[in-house]
């Protein structure tokens, strides 16, 4: 940059935005985030079921000719696959780039490489997430608040584990936090470029998950209000709002035009159909009580259990449970405390209102989702948790001061409560739960899949209601059905032995169990291999010469499972 001063052209140094203390804090945050995600990735027995769909979508994008088509149909192109896929293309494209890099250094089977690439893409994005998270807190409050917010989010159990799995959350949150940073900067130091960049980031988050468009409400509401009360000239406010809108459209509209609607996912369509009555996606018809090994990752409406109460009341209760769990139960109370304590600052400055408006909008959407669809997951709450961490971090110094005033005698014993000690206590309390191994109870499905890969013939069918073994066998890499020939010489069924599984909502689980119980069936593989068949966790059952009957039963074996483990 240069400027003319006194008829002389003089160089003007660009204004710095980050300094040594910022880089030091970011380095510590990156080290912590990297350690957490490397640990969790190295202690993952099996990725979540949804990761199979994203990895499959990636492989189909890479080799569209491998995607099966019906009789008389033309071969699929990548554009066809983007148009027809239920999920937006953003995350599979990130996985594809990671998969190409992993393939340069790994000779593992395609099934393993694709799932590892999904997990790695998610985790790397989560590590990069420390940058915008820190910058948001620094811009709104201080360096220490930004550091505390980013650190807290990285070690909370639900965010840490979800962003270390093969799911979309890491990439989605990276785009979301980047959009939030530009939004906060735009309303505090208004520039057209910041609003445009914010819109582009919102569009990018939409290409990962359709609810990314929800981010538009935060900065748009603040700009509208500041223009309405004439804090900003209305024509200038309108121009800034237009820049925000244009940025979103530049990224989002091409995809909308390609698919011809807002999203291919069924849940948003059901939510927007106001004339239709609420219709739970999982009615619990085949419900089996979950094993007591751990909590479920979501709340589902169950006709047998919940039909006597209002679905709206159930929705409030379900959202409260999942939001509390996502924030590790203590973060949201601390955030509410901070809002009350800092209410004058929050009201006077426009930056925090971006977070507050977005939090209110997200909570409203979750309540409506639960009421209409009868389902809400802890995955849906991670953005709320990210917002809560910013406010909770700002409340730590105030809470420490309040504790010192209420319990003054504590300092007489040489114990001083500070924001740093509270942060350390929160981190120490969260890490043991965050660092637990991922999905160890599902490891047997991978071994069953590898056994099937070595023993399953092309003229034999496979029924796998859990989907993982079908993936590792190579049958479900490009199609969710696992490829079952119309007339099979034998059929293999993957079964959990004596499991009271929380996956009882799977569409063909009951049917698969009935097939496995037929008189002509026999267990041909079990895992662990060093225990007796009765003590094994996983059974692979073989039925001889069932033919077309099994093909009709198994046509949807490996796909269609909603949710994650």
Protein backbone atom coordinates (compact mmCIF):
# COMPACT_ATOMS: atom_id res chain seq x y z
CA UNK A 1 0.00 0.00 0.00
CA UNK A 2 1.25 3.48 -0.75
CA UNK A 3 0.07 7.07 -0.29
CA UNK A 4 1.03 10.46 -1.66
CA UNK A 5 2.28 12.73 1.13
CA UNK A 6 3.62 16.20 0.32
CA UNK A 7 4.06 15.35 -3.36
CA UNK A 8 6.20 12.35 -2.41
CA UNK A 9 5.21 8.73 -2.80
CA UNK A 10 5.78 7.07 0.54
CA UNK A 11 5.27 3.49 1.56
CA UNK A 12 2.69 2.80 4.27
CA UNK A 13 3.02 -0.50 6.10
CA UNK A 14 -0.17 -2.61 6.06
CA UNK A 15 -2.00 -2.76 9.35
CA UNK A 16 -1.30 -5.97 11.23
CA UNK A 17 -4.20 -7.98 12.59
CA UNK A 18 -2.31 -10.75 14.39
CA UNK A 19 0.66 -10.39 16.71
CA UNK A 20 3.02 -12.60 18.67
CA UNK A 21 0.57 -13.35 21.51
CA UNK A 22 -2.04 -14.40 18.96
CA UNK A 23 0.31 -16.79 17.18
CA UNK A 24 1.41 -18.30 20.49
CA UNK A 25 -2.18 -18.95 21.54
CA UNK A 26 -3.06 -20.36 18.12
CA UNK A 27 -0.04 -22.69 18.27
CA UNK A 28 -1.14 -24.05 21.65
CA UNK A 29 -4.71 -24.49 20.43
CA UNK A 30 -3.57 -26.28 17.27
CA UNK A 31 -1.34 -28.61 19.33
CA UNK A 32 -4.22 -29.50 21.68
CA UNK A 33 -6.68 -30.00 18.83
CA UNK A 34 -4.23 -32.13 16.87
CA UNK A 35 -3.47 -34.29 19.92
CA UNK A 36 -7.17 -34.87 20.67
CA UNK A 37 -8.07 -35.81 17.10
CA UNK A 38 -5.00 -37.99 16.50
CA UNK A 39 -5.77 -39.88 19.72
CA UNK A 40 -9.42 -40.41 18.78
CA UNK A 41 -8.62 -41.43 15.20
CA UNK A 42 -6.06 -43.96 16.42
CA UNK A 43 -8.62 -45.35 18.89
CA UNK A 44 -11.53 -45.69 16.45
CA UNK A 45 -12.72 -49.25 16.03
CA UNK A 46 -15.24 -48.32 13.36
CA UNK A 47 -16.48 -45.04 11.94
CA UNK A 48 -20.12 -43.97 12.18
CA UNK A 49 -22.58 -45.49 9.74
CA UNK A 50 -23.28 -42.20 7.98
CA UNK A 51 -19.62 -42.06 6.96
CA UNK A 52 -20.27 -45.00 4.61
CA UNK A 53 -22.69 -42.89 2.59
CA UNK A 54 -20.24 -39.98 2.32
CA UNK A 55 -17.35 -42.28 1.36
CA UNK A 56 -19.57 -44.00 -1.22
CA UNK A 57 -20.59 -40.64 -2.67
CA UNK A 58 -16.89 -39.75 -2.97
CA UNK A 59 -16.02 -42.96 -4.81
CA UNK A 60 -18.97 -42.49 -7.15
CA UNK A 61 -17.82 -38.96 -7.96
CA UNK A 62 -14.35 -40.28 -8.76
CA UNK A 63 -15.58 -43.16 -10.95
CA UNK A 64 -19.14 -42.47 -12.16
CA UNK A 65 -18.92 -45.38 -14.61
CA UNK A 66 -18.78 -47.80 -11.66
CA UNK A 67 -22.23 -46.73 -10.45
CA UNK A 68 -24.80 -49.39 -11.43
CA UNK A 69 -27.73 -48.39 -13.62
CA UNK A 70 -30.99 -50.11 -14.44
CA UNK A 71 -31.83 -51.80 -17.74
CA UNK A 72 -32.03 -49.26 -20.56
CA UNK A 73 -30.58 -46.42 -18.45
CA UNK A 74 -27.53 -44.48 -19.60
CA UNK A 75 -24.35 -44.41 -17.54
CA UNK A 76 -24.25 -41.83 -14.78
CA UNK A 77 -22.09 -38.72 -14.95
CA UNK A 78 -20.70 -36.78 -12.01
CA UNK A 79 -23.31 -34.07 -12.61
CA UNK A 80 -26.07 -36.71 -12.51
CA UNK A 81 -24.74 -37.98 -9.19
CA UNK A 82 -24.62 -34.49 -7.68
CA UNK A 83 -28.18 -33.85 -8.87
CA UNK A 84 -29.57 -37.11 -7.50
CA UNK A 85 -27.64 -37.42 -4.23
CA UNK A 86 -29.47 -36.77 -0.98
CA UNK A 87 -26.45 -34.93 0.45
CA UNK A 88 -24.81 -31.76 -0.92
CA UNK A 89 -21.47 -32.25 -2.69
CA UNK A 90 -19.26 -30.13 -0.41
CA UNK A 91 -18.09 -32.74 2.07
CA UNK A 92 -17.67 -35.60 -0.45
CA UNK A 93 -15.50 -33.30 -2.59
CA UNK A 94 -13.30 -32.55 0.44
CA UNK A 95 -13.07 -36.30 1.10
CA UNK A 96 -12.17 -36.82 -2.57
CA UNK A 97 -9.20 -34.46 -2.28
CA UNK A 98 -8.10 -36.18 0.91
CA UNK A 99 -8.58 -39.61 -0.70
CA UNK A 100 -6.31 -38.67 -3.61
CA UNK A 101 -3.60 -37.58 -1.15
CA UNK A 102 -3.99 -40.68 1.03
CA UNK A 103 -3.80 -42.93 -2.05
CA UNK A 104 -0.34 -41.55 -2.82
CA UNK A 105 1.08 -43.02 0.39
CA UNK A 106 -1.23 -45.95 1.17
CA UNK A 107 -1.90 -49.28 -0.52
CA UNK A 108 -4.73 -50.29 1.83
CA UNK A 109 -7.98 -51.57 0.27
CA UNK A 110 -10.23 -48.93 -1.24
CA UNK A 111 -12.84 -49.46 1.48
CA UNK A 112 -10.31 -48.66 4.21
CA UNK A 113 -8.77 -45.72 2.38
CA UNK A 114 -12.11 -44.10 1.63
CA UNK A 115 -13.34 -44.28 5.24
CA UNK A 116 -9.98 -43.12 6.59
CA UNK A 117 -10.07 -40.19 4.16
CA UNK A 118 -13.52 -39.20 5.42
CA UNK A 119 -12.31 -39.32 8.99
CA UNK A 120 -9.09 -37.46 8.19
CA UNK A 121 -10.87 -34.70 6.23
CA UNK A 122 -13.25 -34.14 9.13
CA UNK A 123 -10.48 -34.08 11.74
CA UNK A 124 -8.18 -31.75 9.78
CA UNK A 125 -11.02 -29.28 9.33
CA UNK A 126 -11.69 -29.48 13.08
CA UNK A 127 -8.05 -28.63 13.82
CA UNK A 128 -8.24 -25.61 11.48
CA UNK A 129 -11.43 -24.62 13.27
CA UNK A 130 -9.35 -23.20 16.15
CA UNK A 131 -8.42 -20.21 13.97
CA UNK A 132 -11.88 -18.70 13.32
CA UNK A 133 -13.12 -19.74 16.77
CA UNK A 134 -10.24 -17.90 18.42
CA UNK A 135 -10.64 -14.86 16.16
CA UNK A 136 -14.36 -14.55 16.95
CA UNK A 137 -13.72 -14.47 20.69
CA UNK A 138 -10.79 -12.10 20.27
CA UNK A 139 -12.85 -9.72 18.18
CA UNK A 140 -15.86 -9.77 20.50
CA UNK A 141 -14.08 -9.84 23.86
CA UNK A 142 -10.34 -10.45 24.22
CA UNK A 143 -7.47 -12.76 23.32
CA UNK A 144 -7.98 -14.83 26.47
CA UNK A 145 -11.68 -15.27 25.77
CA UNK A 146 -10.95 -16.40 22.22
CA UNK A 147 -8.37 -18.86 23.53
CA UNK A 148 -10.71 -20.23 26.19
CA UNK A 149 -13.60 -20.58 23.73
CA UNK A 150 -11.53 -22.45 21.15
CA UNK A 151 -9.90 -24.71 23.76
CA UNK A 152 -13.19 -25.52 25.42
CA UNK A 153 -14.89 -26.48 22.17
CA UNK A 154 -12.02 -28.76 21.13
CA UNK A 155 -12.14 -30.83 24.34
CA UNK A 156 -15.90 -31.12 24.91
CA UNK A 157 -16.84 -34.80 24.40
CA UNK A 158 -19.56 -34.46 21.75
CA UNK A 159 -17.77 -31.94 19.47
CA UNK A 160 -14.40 -33.69 19.84
CA UNK A 161 -15.77 -37.12 18.99
CA UNK A 162 -18.09 -36.03 16.20
CA UNK A 163 -15.33 -34.06 14.49
CA UNK A 164 -13.01 -37.08 14.74
CA UNK A 165 -15.47 -39.39 12.99
CA UNK A 166 -16.22 -39.73 9.27
CA UNK A 167 -18.99 -37.13 9.42
CA UNK A 168 -19.56 -33.63 8.05
CA UNK A 169 -19.24 -31.65 11.27
CA UNK A 170 -15.60 -30.61 11.01
CA UNK A 171 -15.90 -29.17 7.50
CA UNK A 172 -19.34 -27.70 8.24
CA UNK A 173 -18.18 -25.97 11.42
CA UNK A 174 -15.05 -24.64 9.72
CA UNK A 175 -17.17 -22.95 7.05
CA UNK A 176 -19.70 -21.83 9.66
CA UNK A 177 -17.12 -20.34 12.04
CA UNK A 178 -15.41 -18.59 9.15
CA UNK A 179 -18.75 -17.06 8.13
CA UNK A 180 -19.38 -16.01 11.74
CA UNK A 181 -15.99 -14.32 11.96
CA UNK A 182 -16.65 -12.33 8.79
CA UNK A 183 -20.15 -11.50 10.06
CA UNK A 184 -18.91 -10.20 13.42
CA UNK A 185 -16.14 -8.23 11.73
CA UNK A 186 -18.60 -6.83 9.17
CA UNK A 187 -21.04 -5.45 11.75
CA UNK A 188 -18.29 -4.08 14.03
CA UNK A 189 -16.07 -2.53 11.33
CA UNK A 190 -18.42 -2.37 8.34
CA UNK A 191 -16.97 -3.08 4.93
CA UNK A 192 -18.68 -4.35 1.81
CA UNK A 193 -15.88 -6.88 1.35
CA UNK A 194 -16.55 -8.41 4.78
CA UNK A 195 -20.25 -8.84 4.03
CA UNK A 196 -19.42 -10.40 0.66
CA UNK A 197 -16.91 -12.79 2.22
CA UNK A 198 -19.44 -13.68 4.90
CA UNK A 199 -22.00 -14.53 2.22
CA UNK A 200 -19.50 -16.69 0.33
CA UNK A 201 -18.68 -18.61 3.53
CA UNK A 202 -22.40 -19.08 4.25
CA UNK A 203 -22.83 -20.48 0.75
CA UNK A 204 -19.90 -22.85 1.34
CA UNK A 205 -21.47 -24.11 4.58
CA UNK A 206 -24.72 -24.73 2.67
CA UNK A 207 -22.82 -26.91 0.20
CA UNK A 208 -21.78 -29.06 3.16
CA UNK A 209 -25.14 -29.11 4.96
CA UNK A 210 -28.34 -27.35 3.87
CA UNK A 211 -28.91 -25.81 7.31
CA UNK A 212 -25.84 -23.69 6.60
CA UNK A 213 -28.21 -21.15 5.07
CA UNK A 214 -29.45 -20.50 8.60
CA UNK A 215 -26.29 -18.46 9.20
CA UNK A 216 -27.71 -15.73 6.98
CA UNK A 217 -30.18 -14.79 9.71
CA UNK A 218 -27.53 -13.56 12.17
CA UNK A 219 -25.79 -10.80 10.18
CA UNK A 220 -28.90 -10.03 8.11
CA UNK A 221 -31.03 -9.37 11.21
CA UNK A 222 -28.35 -7.13 12.74
CA UNK A 223 -27.89 -5.14 9.53
CA UNK A 224 -31.65 -4.75 9.13
CA UNK A 225 -32.05 -3.52 12.70
CA UNK A 226 -29.15 -1.07 12.52
CA UNK A 227 -30.63 0.37 9.35
CA UNK A 228 -34.13 0.46 10.80
CA UNK A 229 -33.07 2.51 13.84
CA UNK A 230 -30.86 4.66 11.56
CA UNK A 231 -27.68 3.78 13.37
CA UNK A 232 -26.48 3.13 9.85
CA UNK A 233 -27.83 5.16 6.90
CA UNK A 234 -30.54 3.01 5.38
CA UNK A 235 -29.14 3.09 1.85
CA UNK A 236 -25.75 1.96 3.15
CA UNK A 237 -27.38 -0.77 5.27
CA UNK A 238 -29.27 -1.94 2.18
CA UNK A 239 -26.05 -2.09 0.20
CA UNK A 240 -24.34 -4.17 2.88
CA UNK A 241 -27.31 -6.50 3.06
CA UNK A 242 -27.19 -6.84 -0.73
CA UNK A 243 -23.48 -7.74 -0.60
CA UNK A 244 -24.25 -10.44 1.97
CA UNK A 245 -27.06 -11.81 -0.19
CA UNK A 246 -24.98 -11.75 -3.37
CA UNK A 247 -22.17 -13.67 -1.67
CA UNK A 248 -24.57 -16.42 -0.60
CA UNK A 249 -26.14 -16.62 -4.05
CA UNK A 250 -22.82 -16.85 -5.89
CA UNK A 251 -22.06 -20.15 -4.16
CA UNK A 252 -25.49 -21.60 -3.33
CA UNK A 253 -27.67 -20.79 -6.35
CA UNK A 254 -25.78 -22.93 -8.92
CA UNK A 255 -26.37 -26.02 -6.76
CA UNK A 256 -30.01 -25.09 -6.17
CA UNK A 257 -30.49 -24.65 -9.92
CA UNK A 258 -28.90 -28.03 -10.58
CA UNK A 259 -31.18 -29.97 -8.21
CA UNK A 260 -34.20 -27.72 -8.83
CA UNK A 261 -34.97 -27.11 -5.15
CA UNK A 262 -33.48 -26.10 -1.83
CA UNK A 263 -32.23 -29.58 -0.86
CA UNK A 264 -32.67 -33.25 -1.70
CA UNK A 265 -32.78 -34.26 1.96
CA UNK A 266 -36.26 -35.43 3.03
CA UNK A 267 -36.36 -33.88 6.51
CA UNK A 268 -36.26 -30.23 5.38
CA UNK A 269 -38.96 -30.97 2.81
CA UNK A 270 -41.15 -32.46 5.51
CA UNK A 271 -40.50 -29.48 7.78
CA UNK A 272 -41.47 -27.02 5.04
CA UNK A 273 -44.69 -28.89 4.22
CA UNK A 274 -46.86 -27.00 6.70
CA UNK A 275 -50.11 -28.60 5.50
CA UNK A 276 -49.01 -32.15 6.28
CA UNK A 277 -49.37 -33.48 9.84
CA UNK A 278 -46.18 -34.22 11.84
CA UNK A 279 -44.73 -37.55 10.76
CA UNK A 280 -41.93 -39.10 12.88
CA UNK A 281 -39.22 -40.65 10.73
CA UNK A 282 -38.68 -43.49 13.21
CA UNK A 283 -41.87 -44.72 14.77
CA UNK A 284 -40.20 -47.31 16.94
CA UNK A 285 -42.26 -50.18 15.58
CA UNK A 286 -39.33 -52.59 15.92
CA UNK A 287 -37.90 -50.94 19.00
CA UNK A 288 -35.58 -52.98 21.17
CA UNK A 289 -34.33 -51.53 24.46
CA UNK A 290 -30.83 -50.18 24.05
CA UNK A 291 -27.91 -51.88 25.68
CA UNK A 292 -26.78 -50.24 28.91
CA UNK A 293 -23.26 -49.72 27.52
CA UNK A 294 -23.76 -46.02 26.90
CA UNK A 295 -26.20 -43.27 25.99
CA UNK A 296 -27.77 -42.96 22.58
CA UNK A 297 -26.59 -40.21 20.29
CA UNK A 298 -30.10 -38.94 19.51
CA UNK A 299 -33.72 -38.83 20.63
CA UNK A 300 -36.44 -40.51 18.54
CA UNK A 301 -40.18 -40.44 18.93
CA UNK A 302 -41.39 -43.89 19.89
CA UNK A 303 -45.08 -44.69 19.39
CA UNK A 304 -45.12 -47.34 22.09
CA UNK A 305 -43.50 -45.09 24.67
CA UNK A 306 -44.47 -41.52 23.69
CA UNK A 307 -47.88 -41.72 22.01
CA UNK A 308 -49.69 -40.57 25.15
CA UNK A 309 -48.01 -37.15 25.28
CA UNK A 310 -47.97 -34.05 23.10
CA UNK A 311 -45.32 -34.22 20.40
CA UNK A 312 -44.53 -30.55 21.05
CA UNK A 313 -43.83 -31.29 24.72
CA UNK A 314 -41.71 -34.26 23.68
CA UNK A 315 -39.81 -32.01 21.24
CA UNK A 316 -38.91 -29.48 23.95
CA UNK A 317 -37.69 -32.26 26.24
CA UNK A 318 -35.70 -33.96 23.46
CA UNK A 319 -34.00 -30.74 22.34
CA UNK A 320 -33.15 -29.83 25.94
CA UNK A 321 -31.51 -33.24 26.44
CA UNK A 322 -29.45 -33.10 23.25
CA UNK A 323 -28.39 -29.46 23.65
CA UNK A 324 -27.34 -30.10 27.25
CA UNK A 325 -25.40 -33.20 26.30
CA UNK A 326 -23.73 -31.48 23.34
CA UNK A 327 -22.44 -28.71 25.64
CA UNK A 328 -21.36 -31.20 28.34
CA UNK A 329 -24.13 -29.92 30.65
CA UNK A 330 -22.10 -27.05 32.17
CA UNK A 331 -21.33 -24.81 29.20
CA UNK A 332 -24.85 -23.56 28.52
CA UNK A 333 -25.56 -22.55 32.16
CA UNK A 334 -22.26 -20.67 32.13
CA UNK A 335 -23.21 -19.03 28.81
CA UNK A 336 -26.58 -17.92 30.22
CA UNK A 337 -24.80 -16.52 33.27
CA UNK A 338 -22.48 -14.54 30.96
CA UNK A 339 -25.41 -13.15 28.97
CA UNK A 340 -27.05 -11.89 32.15
CA UNK A 341 -23.84 -10.48 33.57
CA UNK A 342 -22.77 -8.81 30.32
CA UNK A 343 -26.22 -7.73 29.18
CA UNK A 344 -25.29 -4.04 28.90
CA UNK A 345 -22.27 -4.76 26.73
CA UNK A 346 -24.20 -7.26 24.62
CA UNK A 347 -27.05 -4.83 24.04
CA UNK A 348 -24.78 -1.90 23.18
CA UNK A 349 -22.55 -3.66 20.64
CA UNK A 350 -23.75 -5.25 17.38
CA UNK A 351 -21.16 -8.05 17.23
CA UNK A 352 -22.57 -10.28 20.00
CA UNK A 353 -26.05 -9.95 18.52
CA UNK A 354 -24.93 -11.96 15.50
CA UNK A 355 -24.28 -14.89 17.84
CA UNK A 356 -27.45 -14.37 19.89
CA UNK A 357 -29.75 -14.12 16.85
CA UNK A 358 -28.16 -17.20 15.27
CA UNK A 359 -28.47 -19.15 18.54
CA UNK A 360 -32.17 -18.25 18.81
CA UNK A 361 -32.76 -19.22 15.18
CA UNK A 362 -30.91 -22.52 15.53
CA UNK A 363 -32.81 -23.42 18.70
CA UNK A 364 -36.11 -22.63 16.99
CA UNK A 365 -35.22 -24.83 14.03
CA UNK A 366 -34.28 -27.71 16.35
CA UNK A 367 -37.58 -27.46 18.20
CA UNK A 368 -39.49 -27.40 14.94
CA UNK A 369 -37.46 -30.33 13.58
CA UNK A 370 -38.16 -32.42 16.66
CA UNK A 371 -41.87 -31.55 16.61
CA UNK A 372 -42.34 -32.25 12.89
CA UNK A 373 -39.98 -35.16 12.32
CA UNK A 374 -39.76 -36.72 15.78
CA UNK A 375 -36.00 -36.84 15.73
CA UNK A 376 -33.14 -34.68 17.01
CA UNK A 377 -29.47 -35.63 17.31
CA UNK A 378 -26.53 -34.33 19.29
CA UNK A 379 -24.97 -33.68 15.87
CA UNK A 380 -27.60 -30.99 15.30
CA UNK A 381 -26.46 -29.11 18.41
CA UNK A 382 -22.75 -28.57 17.66
CA UNK A 383 -23.26 -25.08 16.23
CA UNK A 384 -25.16 -24.08 19.36
CA UNK A 385 -22.31 -25.49 21.43
CA UNK A 386 -19.80 -23.45 19.42
CA UNK A 387 -21.79 -20.30 20.12
CA UNK A 388 -22.19 -21.21 23.79
CA UNK A 389 -18.43 -21.66 24.18
CA UNK A 390 -17.85 -18.03 23.15
CA UNK A 391 -20.26 -16.73 25.76
CA UNK A 392 -19.15 -19.21 28.42
CA UNK A 393 -15.52 -18.20 27.94
CA UNK A 394 -16.49 -14.55 28.40
CA UNK A 395 -18.28 -15.49 31.61
CA UNK A 396 -15.33 -17.28 33.24
CA UNK A 397 -13.68 -14.13 34.71
CA UNK A 398 -17.05 -12.92 36.00
CA UNK A 399 -17.79 -16.29 37.57
CA UNK A 400 -14.37 -16.39 39.22
CA UNK A 401 -14.92 -12.91 40.66
CA UNK A 402 -18.39 -13.88 41.89
CA UNK A 403 -17.07 -17.00 43.62
CA UNK A 404 -14.40 -14.87 45.34
CA UNK A 405 -17.06 -12.49 46.61
CA UNK A 406 -19.48 -15.19 47.77
CA UNK A 407 -16.79 -17.34 49.38
CA UNK A 408 -14.13 -14.86 50.53
CA UNK A 409 -12.65 -17.29 53.00
CA UNK A 410 -11.41 -19.54 50.19
CA UNK A 411 -8.52 -17.18 49.45
CA UNK A 412 -7.44 -17.25 53.08
CA UNK A 413 -6.37 -20.86 52.60
CA UNK A 414 -4.15 -19.93 49.68
CA UNK A 415 -6.68 -20.93 47.04
CA UNK A 416 -7.54 -18.27 44.50
CA UNK A 417 -10.31 -18.90 42.01
CA UNK A 418 -9.45 -17.39 38.62
CA UNK A 419 -10.76 -17.72 35.10
CA UNK A 420 -7.71 -19.86 34.28
CA UNK A 421 -8.40 -22.32 37.10
CA UNK A 422 -12.05 -22.61 36.06
CA UNK A 423 -11.00 -23.26 32.45
CA UNK A 424 -8.52 -25.92 33.54
CA UNK A 425 -11.22 -27.56 35.66
CA UNK A 426 -13.62 -27.64 32.70
CA UNK A 427 -10.95 -29.12 30.43
CA UNK A 428 -9.90 -31.78 32.96
CA UNK A 429 -13.53 -32.69 33.56
CA UNK A 430 -14.24 -33.08 29.82
CA UNK A 431 -11.16 -34.93 28.56
CA UNK A 432 -11.77 -38.38 30.14
CA UNK A 433 -15.11 -38.61 28.34
CA UNK A 434 -13.85 -37.03 25.13
CA UNK A 435 -10.93 -39.45 24.79
CA UNK A 436 -12.86 -42.69 25.18
CA UNK A 437 -12.33 -45.12 22.26
CA UNK A 438 -14.78 -44.65 19.41
CA UNK A 439 -17.41 -47.36 18.74
CA UNK A 440 -15.47 -50.33 20.19
CA UNK A 441 -18.67 -52.40 20.37
CA UNK A 442 -18.89 -52.41 16.54
CA UNK A 443 -15.39 -53.64 15.72
CA UNK A 444 -16.58 -57.11 14.81
CA UNK A 445 -18.41 -55.81 11.75
CA UNK A 446 -15.09 -54.85 10.16
CA UNK A 447 -13.67 -58.35 10.71
CA UNK A 448 -16.83 -59.90 9.32
CA UNK A 449 -16.54 -57.71 6.24
CA UNK A 450 -12.94 -58.72 5.64
CA UNK A 451 -13.85 -62.39 6.02
CA UNK A 452 -16.66 -61.91 3.50
CA UNK A 453 -14.30 -60.14 1.10
CA UNK A 454 -12.18 -63.30 1.03
CA UNK A 455 -15.02 -65.85 0.94
CA UNK A 456 -18.11 -64.30 -0.71
CA UNK A 457 -18.59 -65.34 -4.35
CA UNK A 458 -20.16 -63.17 -7.04
CA UNK A 459 -23.20 -65.46 -7.33
CA UNK A 460 -23.96 -65.26 -3.59
CA UNK A 461 -26.11 -62.66 -1.85
CA UNK A 462 -25.37 -60.64 1.25
CA UNK A 463 -27.87 -59.29 3.78
CA UNK A 464 -26.22 -56.81 6.15
CA UNK A 465 -28.69 -54.54 7.97
CA UNK A 466 -25.80 -52.84 9.79
CA UNK A 467 -24.01 -51.88 6.53
CA UNK A 468 -20.39 -52.02 7.74
CA UNK A 469 -19.56 -55.62 6.75
CA UNK A 470 -21.10 -55.06 3.32
CA UNK A 471 -18.81 -52.06 2.91
CA UNK A 472 -15.61 -53.85 3.96
CA UNK A 473 -16.52 -56.82 1.79
CA UNK A 474 -16.40 -54.52 -1.23
CA UNK A 475 -20.04 -55.07 -2.12
CA UNK A 476 -21.33 -51.61 -1.12
CA UNK A 477 -18.63 -49.29 -2.43
CA UNK A 478 -20.73 -47.92 -5.28
CA UNK A 479 -24.25 -49.01 -4.41
CA UNK A 480 -26.09 -49.14 -1.07
CA UNK A 481 -27.78 -52.46 -1.84
CA UNK A 482 -24.58 -54.49 -1.57
CA UNK A 483 -25.22 -56.06 -5.00
CA UNK A 484 -27.30 -59.20 -4.67
CA UNK A 485 -27.73 -61.36 -7.78
CA UNK A 486 -31.29 -62.12 -8.74
CA UNK A 487 -30.77 -65.87 -8.33
CA UNK A 488 -28.23 -66.56 -5.60
CA UNK A 489 -26.64 -69.92 -4.88
CA UNK A 490 -26.38 -68.95 -1.21
CA UNK A 491 -27.06 -66.01 1.07
CA UNK A 492 -24.97 -64.63 3.91
CA UNK A 493 -26.55 -62.67 6.76
CA UNK A 494 -24.59 -60.50 9.22
CA UNK A 495 -26.09 -60.73 12.67
CA UNK A 496 -25.30 -59.35 16.11
CA UNK A 497 -25.46 -62.24 18.54
CA UNK A 498 -27.63 -61.65 21.63
CA UNK A 499 -27.40 -57.89 21.17
CA UNK A 500 -30.01 -55.52 22.53
CA UNK A 501 -28.98 -53.05 19.88
CA UNK A 502 -29.92 -49.36 19.71
CA UNK A 503 -29.91 -49.85 15.92
CA UNK A 504 -33.27 -51.61 15.96
CA UNK A 505 -34.74 -48.91 13.70
CA UNK A 506 -32.75 -50.29 10.73
CA UNK A 507 -35.18 -51.12 7.91
CA UNK A 508 -34.29 -54.79 7.33
CA UNK A 509 -33.00 -55.83 10.76
CA UNK A 510 -36.09 -57.78 11.73
CA UNK A 511 -36.25 -59.46 8.33
CA UNK A 512 -32.55 -60.36 8.47
CA UNK A 513 -32.99 -61.95 11.90
CA UNK A 514 -35.88 -64.03 10.56
CA UNK A 515 -33.74 -65.24 7.68
CA UNK A 516 -30.87 -66.13 10.00
CA UNK A 517 -33.24 -68.21 12.15
CA UNK A 518 -34.31 -70.51 9.29
CA UNK A 519 -33.66 -74.24 9.77
CA UNK A 520 -31.26 -74.46 6.80
CA UNK A 521 -28.97 -71.70 8.17
CA UNK A 522 -25.60 -72.18 9.82
CA UNK A 523 -22.98 -69.90 11.33
CA UNK A 524 -19.88 -69.91 9.10
CA UNK A 525 -17.92 -67.14 10.83
CA UNK A 526 -18.00 -65.52 14.23
CA UNK A 527 -16.05 -62.78 15.97
CA UNK A 528 -14.07 -62.78 18.18
CA UNK A 529 -12.64 -65.86 16.59
CA UNK A 530 -10.98 -67.08 19.79
CA UNK A 531 -14.26 -67.55 21.67
CA UNK A 532 -17.08 -70.01 21.29
CA UNK A 533 -19.89 -69.38 18.84
CA UNK A 534 -22.36 -68.70 21.65
CA UNK A 535 -20.05 -66.10 23.21
CA UNK A 536 -19.28 -64.33 19.93
CA UNK A 537 -20.48 -60.80 19.26
CA UNK A 538 -20.91 -61.10 15.47
CA UNK A 539 -22.26 -64.03 13.49
CA UNK A 540 -22.12 -64.48 9.74
CA UNK A 541 -24.90 -66.91 8.87
CA UNK A 542 -25.11 -68.83 5.57
CA UNK A 543 -28.28 -70.12 3.94
CA UNK A 544 -28.02 -72.45 0.97
CA UNK A 545 -30.00 -72.26 -2.26
CA UNK A 546 -32.67 -69.76 -1.25
CA UNK A 547 -32.66 -68.14 -4.69
CA UNK A 548 -34.97 -65.35 -5.70
CA UNK A 549 -36.73 -65.17 -2.33
CA UNK A 550 -33.62 -63.80 -0.64
CA UNK A 551 -32.93 -61.39 -3.48
CA UNK A 552 -36.31 -59.78 -2.89
CA UNK A 553 -35.67 -59.59 0.83
CA UNK A 554 -32.16 -58.23 0.56
CA UNK A 555 -32.62 -55.53 -2.04
CA UNK A 556 -32.03 -52.73 0.50
CA UNK A 557 -29.51 -54.44 2.75
CA UNK A 558 -26.66 -52.01 3.04
CA UNK A 559 -28.14 -48.58 2.76
CA UNK A 560 -30.73 -46.21 3.98
CA UNK A 561 -29.69 -46.07 7.62
CA UNK A 562 -30.25 -42.66 9.10
CA UNK A 563 -28.24 -41.23 11.93
CA UNK A 564 -24.87 -42.17 13.31
CA UNK A 565 -23.57 -44.25 16.08
